[in-house]
Amino acid sequence: MEKVLDVLNQVSSENGYSTFYHEKTREIWISGYKENRKLDIFIKLLKDGSYKFIYETPDERKVALFLNEDNLIDRLNKIFKREVAESK
């Protein structure tokens, strides 16, 4: 979860997004604007070690389940068009 939080903190600082992390429930929320559109991301670490991921804009909502942290980080890098090498 720490790697995911590090990547999201970098993305948030670069783009001016608001980030909230609740350690007890293992949830992360990101909110801001990407290309002049409202963007919300919700990530929760589940008890089995997988990650629930919700990406929401006013026009769409995408829900995904990632079985490990590396796959989630790769997807986050694709969403924010970051070089994969930056997070590793």
Protein backbone atom coordinates (compact mmCIF):
# COMPACT_ATOMS: atom_id res chain seq x y z
CA MET A 1 0.00 0.00 0.00
CA GLU A 2 2.94 2.31 0.64
CA LYS A 3 4.10 2.17 -3.00
CA VAL A 4 0.61 3.06 -4.22
CA LEU A 5 0.40 5.92 -1.75
CA ASP A 6 3.83 7.21 -2.85
CA VAL A 7 2.80 7.20 -6.53
CA LEU A 8 -0.50 8.93 -5.76
CA ASN A 9 1.21 11.55 -3.59
CA GLN A 10 3.58 12.33 -6.48
CA VAL A 11 0.68 12.56 -8.94
CA SER A 12 -1.28 14.74 -6.52
CA SER A 13 1.57 17.16 -5.96
CA GLU A 14 2.30 17.41 -9.71
CA ASN A 15 -1.36 18.05 -10.61
CA GLY A 16 -2.74 19.81 -7.54
CA TYR A 17 -5.11 16.99 -6.56
CA SER A 18 -6.47 16.50 -3.07
CA THR A 19 -5.45 13.22 -1.44
CA PHE A 20 -6.89 11.55 1.64
CA TYR A 21 -5.62 8.32 3.19
CA HIS A 22 -7.48 6.54 5.98
CA GLU A 23 -5.09 4.02 7.53
CA LYS A 24 -7.64 2.15 9.63
CA THR A 25 -9.87 1.26 6.65
CA ARG A 26 -6.93 1.15 4.18
CA GLU A 27 -8.64 3.53 1.74
CA ILE A 28 -7.24 6.27 -0.49
CA TRP A 29 -9.28 9.02 -2.16
CA ILE A 30 -8.01 11.38 -4.86
CA SER A 31 -10.03 14.29 -6.19
CA GLY A 32 -9.20 16.97 -8.74
CA TYR A 33 -9.43 18.00 -12.37
CA LYS A 34 -7.75 16.32 -15.35
CA GLU A 35 -8.08 18.01 -18.74
CA ASN A 36 -10.78 20.33 -17.29
CA ARG A 37 -12.93 17.38 -16.15
CA LYS A 38 -13.69 16.40 -12.57
CA LEU A 39 -11.82 13.26 -11.52
CA ASP A 40 -12.26 11.03 -8.47
CA ILE A 41 -10.26 7.92 -7.65
CA PHE A 42 -10.96 5.52 -4.81
CA ILE A 43 -8.60 2.69 -3.85
CA LYS A 44 -9.12 0.18 -1.06
CA LEU A 45 -6.76 -2.58 0.02
CA LEU A 46 -8.90 -5.65 0.65
CA LYS A 47 -8.25 -8.30 3.28
CA ASP A 48 -7.06 -10.81 0.66
CA GLY A 49 -4.35 -8.40 -0.55
CA SER A 50 -6.13 -7.32 -3.73
CA TYR A 51 -7.06 -3.72 -4.51
CA LYS A 52 -10.49 -2.33 -5.34
CA PHE A 53 -10.14 0.61 -7.73
CA ILE A 54 -12.81 3.09 -8.82
CA TYR A 55 -12.10 5.80 -11.41
CA GLU A 56 -14.92 8.27 -11.86
CA THR A 57 -15.57 11.30 -14.06
CA PRO A 58 -18.92 13.02 -14.70
CA ASP A 59 -19.39 10.86 -17.83
CA GLU A 60 -18.14 7.46 -16.71
CA ARG A 61 -17.36 5.20 -13.81
CA LYS A 62 -14.87 2.36 -14.04
CA VAL A 63 -14.45 -0.28 -11.35
CA ALA A 64 -11.58 -2.76 -11.33
CA LEU A 65 -10.00 -5.32 -9.04
CA PHE A 66 -6.22 -5.64 -9.07
CA LEU A 67 -4.66 -8.75 -7.60
CA ASN A 68 -1.40 -7.05 -6.68
CA GLU A 69 0.16 -3.67 -6.05
CA ASP A 70 2.39 -3.68 -9.15
CA ASN A 71 -0.56 -4.08 -11.55
CA LEU A 72 -2.37 -1.21 -9.84
CA ILE A 73 0.69 1.03 -10.05
CA ASP A 74 1.09 0.22 -13.76
CA ARG A 75 -2.54 1.23 -14.37
CA LEU A 76 -2.12 4.47 -12.41
CA ASN A 77 0.93 5.32 -14.49
CA LYS A 78 -1.07 4.73 -17.69
CA ILE A 79 -3.94 6.90 -16.46
CA PHE A 80 -1.63 9.78 -15.63
CA LYS A 81 0.69 9.14 -18.62
CA ARG A 82 3.73 8.75 -16.40
CA GLU A 83 6.79 6.74 -17.23
CA VAL A 84 6.59 3.36 -15.53
CA ALA A 85 10.25 3.65 -14.55
CA GLU A 86 9.45 6.67 -12.35
CA SER A 87 7.59 4.58 -9.77
CA LYS A 88 10.01 1.64 -9.58
